[in-house]
Amino acid sequence: MHQFLEYIARHPYLAGGAVLAALAVAINELRESMQAFAALSTLQTVRLMNQGALLVDLRSAEAYAAGHIGEARHVPAAELAAQAESLARWRDKNVILYCDSGVTGAAAARTLTKAGFTKVFNLEGGVAAWSKDNLPLVKSPAARKGGAK
């Protein structure tokens, strides 16, 4: 113990740097553990979809109509907190949220977690990652008619 204290006295910058690094790691770990939702890859999303997970598209109505994932339900991100009660039956079931890039989905996942949802997930990378992996998007009938003109 004496040698350790002597080392700290002779190398205060190294000791201070070690303490700061340890604090940074601890804060990051705490933040990660407090984040009650997980980010899913496209493969993990497909697996949960096959198990009956609810998909929620947080994008605009136009973006949803232009192409959405499977049987996704459209709930704009701005309306998610207000419509959380309409999703109440999914409170203890898998709910996957997605947007264009994954950023809005992460914020929405926090909103649903605060509303009492226990199994909330965010599609990492959103529709951009989904498209990048060449996975299919479903177009709404109105979008198909508009594109045929």
N, C-alpha and C. Protein backbone atom coordinates (compact mmCIF):
# COMPACT_ATOMS: atom_id res chain seq x y z
N MET A 1 0.82 -1.18 0.00
CA MET A 1 0.00 0.00 0.00
C MET A 1 0.88 1.26 0.00
N HIS A 2 1.95 1.20 0.72
CA HIS A 2 2.86 2.34 0.78
C HIS A 2 3.42 2.66 -0.61
N GLN A 3 3.78 1.62 -1.36
CA GLN A 3 4.33 1.83 -2.71
C GLN A 3 3.28 2.44 -3.64
N PHE A 4 2.05 2.03 -3.47
CA PHE A 4 0.97 2.56 -4.29
C PHE A 4 0.79 4.05 -4.04
N LEU A 5 0.76 4.46 -2.78
CA LEU A 5 0.63 5.86 -2.44
C LEU A 5 1.83 6.66 -2.92
N GLU A 6 3.00 6.06 -2.84
CA GLU A 6 4.21 6.72 -3.34
C GLU A 6 4.13 6.91 -4.86
N TYR A 7 3.63 5.90 -5.56
CA TYR A 7 3.46 5.98 -7.01
C TYR A 7 2.50 7.12 -7.37
N ILE A 8 1.39 7.20 -6.66
CA ILE A 8 0.40 8.26 -6.91
C ILE A 8 1.03 9.63 -6.67
N ALA A 9 1.84 9.74 -5.61
CA ALA A 9 2.47 11.02 -5.29
C ALA A 9 3.47 11.42 -6.37
N ARG A 10 4.15 10.47 -6.96
CA ARG A 10 5.16 10.78 -7.97
C ARG A 10 4.56 10.95 -9.37
N HIS A 11 3.38 10.35 -9.60
CA HIS A 11 2.76 10.39 -10.94
C HIS A 11 1.30 10.83 -10.83
N PRO A 12 1.05 12.06 -10.42
CA PRO A 12 -0.35 12.49 -10.20
C PRO A 12 -1.17 12.54 -11.50
N TYR A 13 -0.53 12.87 -12.62
CA TYR A 13 -1.28 12.93 -13.88
C TYR A 13 -1.71 11.54 -14.34
N LEU A 14 -0.82 10.57 -14.21
CA LEU A 14 -1.19 9.19 -14.58
C LEU A 14 -2.29 8.66 -13.67
N ALA A 15 -2.16 8.92 -12.38
CA ALA A 15 -3.17 8.45 -11.43
C ALA A 15 -4.51 9.14 -11.70
N GLY A 16 -4.47 10.44 -11.95
CA GLY A 16 -5.70 11.17 -12.27
C GLY A 16 -6.35 10.68 -13.55
N GLY A 17 -5.52 10.40 -14.56
CA GLY A 17 -6.04 9.86 -15.81
C GLY A 17 -6.69 8.50 -15.62
N ALA A 18 -6.09 7.67 -14.78
CA ALA A 18 -6.67 6.35 -14.51
C ALA A 18 -8.02 6.48 -13.81
N VAL A 19 -8.10 7.43 -12.87
CA VAL A 19 -9.37 7.65 -12.17
C VAL A 19 -10.43 8.16 -13.14
N LEU A 20 -10.07 9.09 -14.00
CA LEU A 20 -11.02 9.61 -14.99
C LEU A 20 -11.48 8.53 -15.96
N ALA A 21 -10.56 7.68 -16.40
CA ALA A 21 -10.93 6.58 -17.29
C ALA A 21 -11.89 5.61 -16.60
N ALA A 22 -11.61 5.31 -15.34
CA ALA A 22 -12.49 4.41 -14.59
C ALA A 22 -13.88 5.03 -14.43
N LEU A 23 -13.94 6.32 -14.16
CA LEU A 23 -15.23 7.00 -14.05
C LEU A 23 -15.99 6.99 -15.37
N ALA A 24 -15.28 7.22 -16.46
CA ALA A 24 -15.92 7.21 -17.78
C ALA A 24 -16.52 5.84 -18.08
N VAL A 25 -15.79 4.79 -17.78
CA VAL A 25 -16.28 3.42 -18.00
C VAL A 25 -17.49 3.15 -17.12
N ALA A 26 -17.43 3.55 -15.86
CA ALA A 26 -18.55 3.31 -14.93
C ALA A 26 -19.80 4.06 -15.38
N ILE A 27 -19.65 5.31 -15.81
CA ILE A 27 -20.80 6.09 -16.26
C ILE A 27 -21.40 5.47 -17.51
N ASN A 28 -20.55 5.05 -18.44
CA ASN A 28 -21.06 4.41 -19.66
C ASN A 28 -21.81 3.12 -19.34
N GLU A 29 -21.28 2.31 -18.45
CA GLU A 29 -21.95 1.06 -18.07
C GLU A 29 -23.28 1.33 -17.39
N LEU A 30 -23.33 2.33 -16.53
CA LEU A 30 -24.58 2.69 -15.87
C LEU A 30 -25.62 3.16 -16.88
N ARG A 31 -25.19 3.98 -17.81
CA ARG A 31 -26.10 4.48 -18.83
C ARG A 31 -26.65 3.34 -19.68
N GLU A 32 -25.79 2.41 -20.05
CA GLU A 32 -26.23 1.26 -20.85
C GLU A 32 -27.20 0.37 -20.07
N SER A 33 -26.93 0.17 -18.79
CA SER A 33 -27.81 -0.70 -18.01
C SER A 33 -29.16 -0.03 -17.74
N MET A 34 -29.20 1.30 -17.70
CA MET A 34 -30.45 2.00 -17.48
C MET A 34 -31.31 2.05 -18.74
N GLN A 35 -30.68 1.83 -19.86
CA GLN A 35 -31.41 1.83 -21.12
C GLN A 35 -32.19 0.52 -21.18
N ALA A 36 -33.51 0.61 -20.99
CA ALA A 36 -34.33 -0.59 -20.82
C ALA A 36 -34.71 -1.26 -22.13
N PHE A 37 -34.24 -0.76 -23.23
CA PHE A 37 -34.58 -1.37 -24.49
C PHE A 37 -33.30 -1.79 -25.21
N ALA A 38 -33.45 -2.66 -26.15
CA ALA A 38 -32.29 -3.14 -26.91
C ALA A 38 -32.44 -2.71 -28.37
N ALA A 39 -31.31 -2.48 -28.99
CA ALA A 39 -31.29 -2.21 -30.42
C ALA A 39 -31.13 -3.54 -31.14
N LEU A 40 -31.98 -3.79 -32.12
CA LEU A 40 -31.97 -5.06 -32.83
C LEU A 40 -31.38 -4.88 -34.23
N SER A 41 -30.68 -5.91 -34.67
CA SER A 41 -30.24 -5.93 -36.07
C SER A 41 -31.44 -6.35 -36.91
N THR A 42 -31.29 -6.28 -38.22
CA THR A 42 -32.39 -6.68 -39.09
C THR A 42 -32.70 -8.17 -38.94
N LEU A 43 -31.68 -8.99 -38.76
CA LEU A 43 -31.90 -10.43 -38.58
C LEU A 43 -32.67 -10.71 -37.29
N GLN A 44 -32.29 -10.05 -36.21
CA GLN A 44 -33.00 -10.23 -34.95
C GLN A 44 -34.45 -9.73 -35.07
N THR A 45 -34.65 -8.68 -35.83
CA THR A 45 -36.00 -8.16 -36.05
C THR A 45 -36.86 -9.18 -36.78
N VAL A 46 -36.32 -9.79 -37.82
CA VAL A 46 -37.06 -10.81 -38.57
C VAL A 46 -37.43 -11.98 -37.65
N ARG A 47 -36.51 -12.38 -36.80
CA ARG A 47 -36.80 -13.48 -35.86
C ARG A 47 -37.96 -13.13 -34.94
N LEU A 48 -37.93 -11.92 -34.38
CA LEU A 48 -39.02 -11.52 -33.49
C LEU A 48 -40.33 -11.34 -34.26
N MET A 49 -40.26 -10.87 -35.50
CA MET A 49 -41.47 -10.76 -36.32
C MET A 49 -42.10 -12.14 -36.51
N ASN A 50 -41.27 -13.13 -36.75
CA ASN A 50 -41.76 -14.49 -36.94
C ASN A 50 -42.37 -15.06 -35.67
N GLN A 51 -42.04 -14.48 -34.53
CA GLN A 51 -42.60 -14.91 -33.26
C GLN A 51 -43.83 -14.08 -32.86
N GLY A 52 -44.25 -13.18 -33.75
CA GLY A 52 -45.47 -12.42 -33.52
C GLY A 52 -45.28 -11.05 -32.90
N ALA A 53 -44.12 -10.46 -33.00
CA ALA A 53 -43.88 -9.14 -32.43
C ALA A 53 -44.68 -8.08 -33.18
N LEU A 54 -45.04 -7.02 -32.47
CA LEU A 54 -45.71 -5.88 -33.08
C LEU A 54 -44.65 -4.93 -33.63
N LEU A 55 -44.79 -4.53 -34.88
CA LEU A 55 -43.90 -3.53 -35.48
C LEU A 55 -44.64 -2.21 -35.51
N VAL A 56 -43.95 -1.15 -35.13
CA VAL A 56 -44.53 0.19 -35.14
C VAL A 56 -43.65 1.09 -35.98
N ASP A 57 -44.23 1.62 -37.05
CA ASP A 57 -43.53 2.55 -37.95
C ASP A 57 -43.77 3.96 -37.44
N LEU A 58 -42.70 4.66 -37.11
CA LEU A 58 -42.78 5.99 -36.51
C LEU A 58 -42.65 7.13 -37.53
N ARG A 59 -42.53 6.79 -38.79
CA ARG A 59 -42.28 7.79 -39.83
C ARG A 59 -43.56 8.51 -40.23
N SER A 60 -43.43 9.44 -41.14
CA SER A 60 -44.59 10.20 -41.63
C SER A 60 -45.53 9.27 -42.41
N ALA A 61 -46.76 9.73 -42.61
CA ALA A 61 -47.74 8.93 -43.36
C ALA A 61 -47.27 8.68 -44.79
N GLU A 62 -46.62 9.67 -45.38
CA GLU A 62 -46.13 9.52 -46.76
C GLU A 62 -45.03 8.46 -46.83
N ALA A 63 -44.11 8.50 -45.88
CA ALA A 63 -43.03 7.52 -45.86
C ALA A 63 -43.58 6.11 -45.61
N TYR A 64 -44.57 6.01 -44.72
CA TYR A 64 -45.19 4.72 -44.44
C TYR A 64 -45.85 4.17 -45.70
N ALA A 65 -46.60 5.01 -46.41
CA ALA A 65 -47.29 4.57 -47.62
C ALA A 65 -46.30 4.18 -48.72
N ALA A 66 -45.17 4.86 -48.77
CA ALA A 66 -44.17 4.57 -49.81
C ALA A 66 -43.49 3.22 -49.59
N GLY A 67 -43.46 2.74 -48.38
CA GLY A 67 -42.88 1.43 -48.10
C GLY A 67 -42.63 1.23 -46.62
N HIS A 68 -43.25 0.19 -46.05
CA HIS A 68 -43.06 -0.12 -44.64
C HIS A 68 -42.76 -1.61 -44.49
N ILE A 69 -42.34 -1.98 -43.30
CA ILE A 69 -41.95 -3.37 -43.04
C ILE A 69 -43.19 -4.19 -42.69
N GLY A 70 -43.40 -5.23 -43.44
CA GLY A 70 -44.44 -6.22 -43.15
C GLY A 70 -45.76 -5.66 -42.69
N GLU A 71 -46.24 -6.16 -41.56
CA GLU A 71 -47.54 -5.79 -41.00
C GLU A 71 -47.41 -4.65 -39.99
N ALA A 72 -46.50 -3.74 -40.22
CA ALA A 72 -46.25 -2.66 -39.26
C ALA A 72 -47.46 -1.76 -39.09
N ARG A 73 -47.66 -1.33 -37.87
CA ARG A 73 -48.71 -0.38 -37.55
C ARG A 73 -48.10 1.01 -37.61
N HIS A 74 -48.82 1.94 -38.24
CA HIS A 74 -48.30 3.31 -38.36
C HIS A 74 -48.74 4.16 -37.18
N VAL A 75 -47.76 4.63 -36.41
CA VAL A 75 -48.01 5.57 -35.31
C VAL A 75 -46.90 6.61 -35.41
N PRO A 76 -47.21 7.81 -35.88
CA PRO A 76 -46.18 8.85 -35.98
C PRO A 76 -45.50 9.09 -34.63
N ALA A 77 -44.22 9.35 -34.65
CA ALA A 77 -43.44 9.51 -33.43
C ALA A 77 -44.03 10.58 -32.51
N ALA A 78 -44.51 11.66 -33.09
CA ALA A 78 -45.07 12.75 -32.28
C ALA A 78 -46.34 12.33 -31.54
N GLU A 79 -47.02 11.31 -32.03
CA GLU A 79 -48.28 10.86 -31.43
C GLU A 79 -48.12 9.62 -30.56
N LEU A 80 -46.91 9.10 -30.43
CA LEU A 80 -46.70 7.83 -29.73
C LEU A 80 -47.15 7.89 -28.28
N ALA A 81 -46.77 8.92 -27.55
CA ALA A 81 -47.16 9.01 -26.14
C ALA A 81 -48.67 9.04 -25.99
N ALA A 82 -49.35 9.77 -26.87
CA ALA A 82 -50.80 9.88 -26.80
C ALA A 82 -51.49 8.56 -27.18
N GLN A 83 -50.87 7.80 -28.07
CA GLN A 83 -51.47 6.55 -28.53
C GLN A 83 -50.96 5.32 -27.78
N ALA A 84 -50.16 5.52 -26.76
CA ALA A 84 -49.61 4.39 -26.00
C ALA A 84 -50.72 3.51 -25.44
N GLU A 85 -51.84 4.10 -25.04
CA GLU A 85 -52.95 3.31 -24.50
C GLU A 85 -53.55 2.38 -25.54
N SER A 86 -53.54 2.80 -26.81
CA SER A 86 -54.09 1.94 -27.86
C SER A 86 -53.20 0.73 -28.10
N LEU A 87 -51.97 0.80 -27.62
CA LEU A 87 -51.03 -0.33 -27.74
C LEU A 87 -50.94 -1.11 -26.43
N ALA A 88 -51.80 -0.81 -25.47
CA ALA A 88 -51.70 -1.37 -24.12
C ALA A 88 -51.70 -2.89 -24.09
N ARG A 89 -52.39 -3.53 -25.00
CA ARG A 89 -52.42 -5.01 -24.96
C ARG A 89 -51.06 -5.61 -25.30
N TRP A 90 -50.15 -4.79 -25.82
CA TRP A 90 -48.79 -5.24 -26.16
C TRP A 90 -47.80 -4.90 -25.04
N ARG A 91 -48.29 -4.44 -23.90
CA ARG A 91 -47.43 -3.98 -22.81
C ARG A 91 -46.39 -5.02 -22.37
N ASP A 92 -46.75 -6.29 -22.38
CA ASP A 92 -45.82 -7.35 -21.95
C ASP A 92 -45.39 -8.24 -23.11
N LYS A 93 -45.59 -7.77 -24.33
CA LYS A 93 -45.20 -8.54 -25.52
C LYS A 93 -44.12 -7.76 -26.27
N ASN A 94 -43.51 -8.41 -27.24
CA ASN A 94 -42.44 -7.77 -28.01
C ASN A 94 -42.99 -6.68 -28.92
N VAL A 95 -42.41 -5.47 -28.78
CA VAL A 95 -42.78 -4.33 -29.61
C VAL A 95 -41.48 -3.81 -30.25
N ILE A 96 -41.47 -3.75 -31.58
CA ILE A 96 -40.30 -3.26 -32.30
C ILE A 96 -40.66 -1.93 -32.96
N LEU A 97 -39.89 -0.91 -32.65
CA LEU A 97 -40.11 0.42 -33.20
C LEU A 97 -39.07 0.69 -34.27
N TYR A 98 -39.47 1.42 -35.31
CA TYR A 98 -38.47 1.80 -36.30
C TYR A 98 -38.83 3.11 -36.96
N CYS A 99 -37.79 3.77 -37.45
CA CYS A 99 -37.94 5.05 -38.16
C CYS A 99 -37.03 4.97 -39.38
N ASP A 100 -36.57 6.11 -39.87
CA ASP A 100 -35.69 6.11 -41.04
C ASP A 100 -34.28 5.63 -40.70
N SER A 101 -33.75 6.09 -39.57
CA SER A 101 -32.34 5.80 -39.26
C SER A 101 -32.10 5.14 -37.91
N GLY A 102 -33.10 5.06 -37.06
CA GLY A 102 -32.93 4.45 -35.75
C GLY A 102 -32.87 5.44 -34.61
N VAL A 103 -32.68 6.71 -34.91
CA VAL A 103 -32.55 7.71 -33.85
C VAL A 103 -33.90 8.00 -33.19
N THR A 104 -34.91 8.24 -33.99
CA THR A 104 -36.25 8.50 -33.46
C THR A 104 -36.78 7.25 -32.76
N GLY A 105 -36.44 6.09 -33.29
CA GLY A 105 -36.87 4.83 -32.68
C GLY A 105 -36.32 4.66 -31.28
N ALA A 106 -35.10 5.08 -31.06
CA ALA A 106 -34.51 4.98 -29.72
C ALA A 106 -35.24 5.88 -28.73
N ALA A 107 -35.55 7.10 -29.14
CA ALA A 107 -36.29 8.01 -28.27
C ALA A 107 -37.69 7.47 -27.99
N ALA A 108 -38.33 6.92 -29.02
CA ALA A 108 -39.67 6.36 -28.86
C ALA A 108 -39.64 5.14 -27.94
N ALA A 109 -38.59 4.35 -28.02
CA ALA A 109 -38.46 3.18 -27.14
C ALA A 109 -38.41 3.63 -25.68
N ARG A 110 -37.70 4.71 -25.41
CA ARG A 110 -37.66 5.25 -24.05
C ARG A 110 -39.05 5.70 -23.61
N THR A 111 -39.81 6.31 -24.52
CA THR A 111 -41.17 6.77 -24.21
C THR A 111 -42.06 5.60 -23.82
N LEU A 112 -42.02 4.52 -24.61
CA LEU A 112 -42.86 3.35 -24.29
C LEU A 112 -42.40 2.66 -23.02
N THR A 113 -41.11 2.62 -22.79
CA THR A 113 -40.60 2.01 -21.56
C THR A 113 -41.11 2.77 -20.35
N LYS A 114 -41.11 4.09 -20.43
CA LYS A 114 -41.63 4.91 -19.33
C LYS A 114 -43.13 4.70 -19.15
N ALA A 115 -43.83 4.32 -20.23
CA ALA A 115 -45.27 4.08 -20.17
C ALA A 115 -45.59 2.68 -19.64
N GLY A 116 -44.56 1.90 -19.29
CA GLY A 116 -44.79 0.60 -18.69
C GLY A 116 -44.61 -0.60 -19.61
N PHE A 117 -44.18 -0.37 -20.83
CA PHE A 117 -43.93 -1.49 -21.75
C PHE A 117 -42.63 -2.18 -21.33
N THR A 118 -42.63 -3.50 -21.33
CA THR A 118 -41.48 -4.24 -20.80
C THR A 118 -40.56 -4.82 -21.86
N LYS A 119 -41.04 -5.04 -23.07
CA LYS A 119 -40.23 -5.67 -24.11
C LYS A 119 -40.21 -4.78 -25.35
N VAL A 120 -39.53 -3.66 -25.24
CA VAL A 120 -39.48 -2.69 -26.33
C VAL A 120 -38.12 -2.77 -27.00
N PHE A 121 -38.13 -2.78 -28.33
CA PHE A 121 -36.90 -2.88 -29.10
C PHE A 121 -36.89 -1.80 -30.18
N ASN A 122 -35.70 -1.43 -30.61
CA ASN A 122 -35.53 -0.45 -31.67
C ASN A 122 -34.74 -1.11 -32.80
N LEU A 123 -35.22 -0.98 -34.02
CA LEU A 123 -34.50 -1.49 -35.18
C LEU A 123 -33.29 -0.59 -35.43
N GLU A 124 -32.12 -1.12 -35.18
CA GLU A 124 -30.89 -0.35 -35.33
C GLU A 124 -30.68 0.01 -36.80
N GLY A 125 -30.58 1.29 -37.07
CA GLY A 125 -30.40 1.75 -38.44
C GLY A 125 -31.71 1.99 -39.17
N GLY A 126 -32.83 1.62 -38.59
CA GLY A 126 -34.15 1.86 -39.16
C GLY A 126 -34.37 1.26 -40.54
N VAL A 127 -35.21 1.92 -41.31
CA VAL A 127 -35.54 1.44 -42.65
C VAL A 127 -34.31 1.46 -43.55
N ALA A 128 -33.38 2.36 -43.28
CA ALA A 128 -32.15 2.42 -44.09
C ALA A 128 -31.38 1.11 -43.97
N ALA A 129 -31.26 0.58 -42.75
CA ALA A 129 -30.56 -0.70 -42.55
C ALA A 129 -31.36 -1.84 -43.17
N TRP A 130 -32.68 -1.78 -43.05
CA TRP A 130 -33.55 -2.80 -43.61
C TRP A 130 -33.37 -2.87 -45.13
N SER A 131 -33.39 -1.71 -45.78
CA SER A 131 -33.20 -1.65 -47.23
C SER A 131 -31.80 -2.06 -47.64
N LYS A 132 -30.81 -1.66 -46.84
CA LYS A 132 -29.42 -2.01 -47.13
C LYS A 132 -29.22 -3.52 -47.15
N ASP A 133 -29.97 -4.23 -46.29
CA ASP A 133 -29.88 -5.69 -46.24
C ASP A 133 -30.79 -6.36 -47.25
N ASN A 134 -31.35 -5.56 -48.18
CA ASN A 134 -32.21 -6.05 -49.25
C ASN A 134 -33.43 -6.80 -48.74
N LEU A 135 -34.00 -6.33 -47.66
CA LEU A 135 -35.22 -6.93 -47.13
C LEU A 135 -36.41 -6.17 -47.70
N PRO A 136 -37.55 -6.85 -47.87
CA PRO A 136 -38.68 -6.24 -48.59
C PRO A 136 -39.43 -5.20 -47.78
N LEU A 137 -39.96 -4.23 -48.49
CA LEU A 137 -40.86 -3.23 -47.94
C LEU A 137 -42.21 -3.39 -48.63
N VAL A 138 -43.28 -3.19 -47.89
CA VAL A 138 -44.64 -3.31 -48.41
C VAL A 138 -45.15 -1.91 -48.68
N LYS A 139 -45.72 -1.70 -49.86
CA LYS A 139 -46.30 -0.40 -50.19
C LYS A 139 -47.79 -0.43 -49.92
N SER A 140 -48.30 0.69 -49.42
CA SER A 140 -49.75 0.81 -49.18
C SER A 140 -50.47 0.90 -50.51
N PRO A 141 -51.73 0.44 -50.57
CA PRO A 141 -52.48 0.50 -51.83
C PRO A 141 -52.52 1.90 -52.43
N ALA A 142 -52.67 2.93 -51.61
CA ALA A 142 -52.73 4.30 -52.13
C ALA A 142 -51.41 4.68 -52.81
N ALA A 143 -50.30 4.23 -52.26
CA ALA A 143 -48.99 4.53 -52.85
C ALA A 143 -48.83 3.82 -54.18
N ARG A 144 -49.34 2.58 -54.27
CA ARG A 144 -49.24 1.84 -55.52
C ARG A 144 -50.05 2.51 -56.62
N LYS A 145 -51.27 2.98 -56.28
CA LYS A 145 -52.12 3.65 -57.26
C LYS A 145 -51.47 4.94 -57.72
N GLY A 146 -50.89 5.68 -56.76
CA GLY A 146 -50.25 6.94 -57.10
C GLY A 146 -49.04 6.74 -57.99
N GLY A 147 -48.32 5.64 -57.79
CA GLY A 147 -47.14 5.36 -58.60
C GLY A 147 -47.49 4.86 -59.99
N ALA A 148 -48.71 4.33 -60.18
CA ALA A 148 -49.10 3.77 -61.47
C ALA A 148 -49.58 4.84 -62.45
N LYS A 149 -49.87 6.02 -61.92
CA LYS A 149 -50.36 7.09 -62.80
C LYS A 149 -49.32 7.61 -63.72
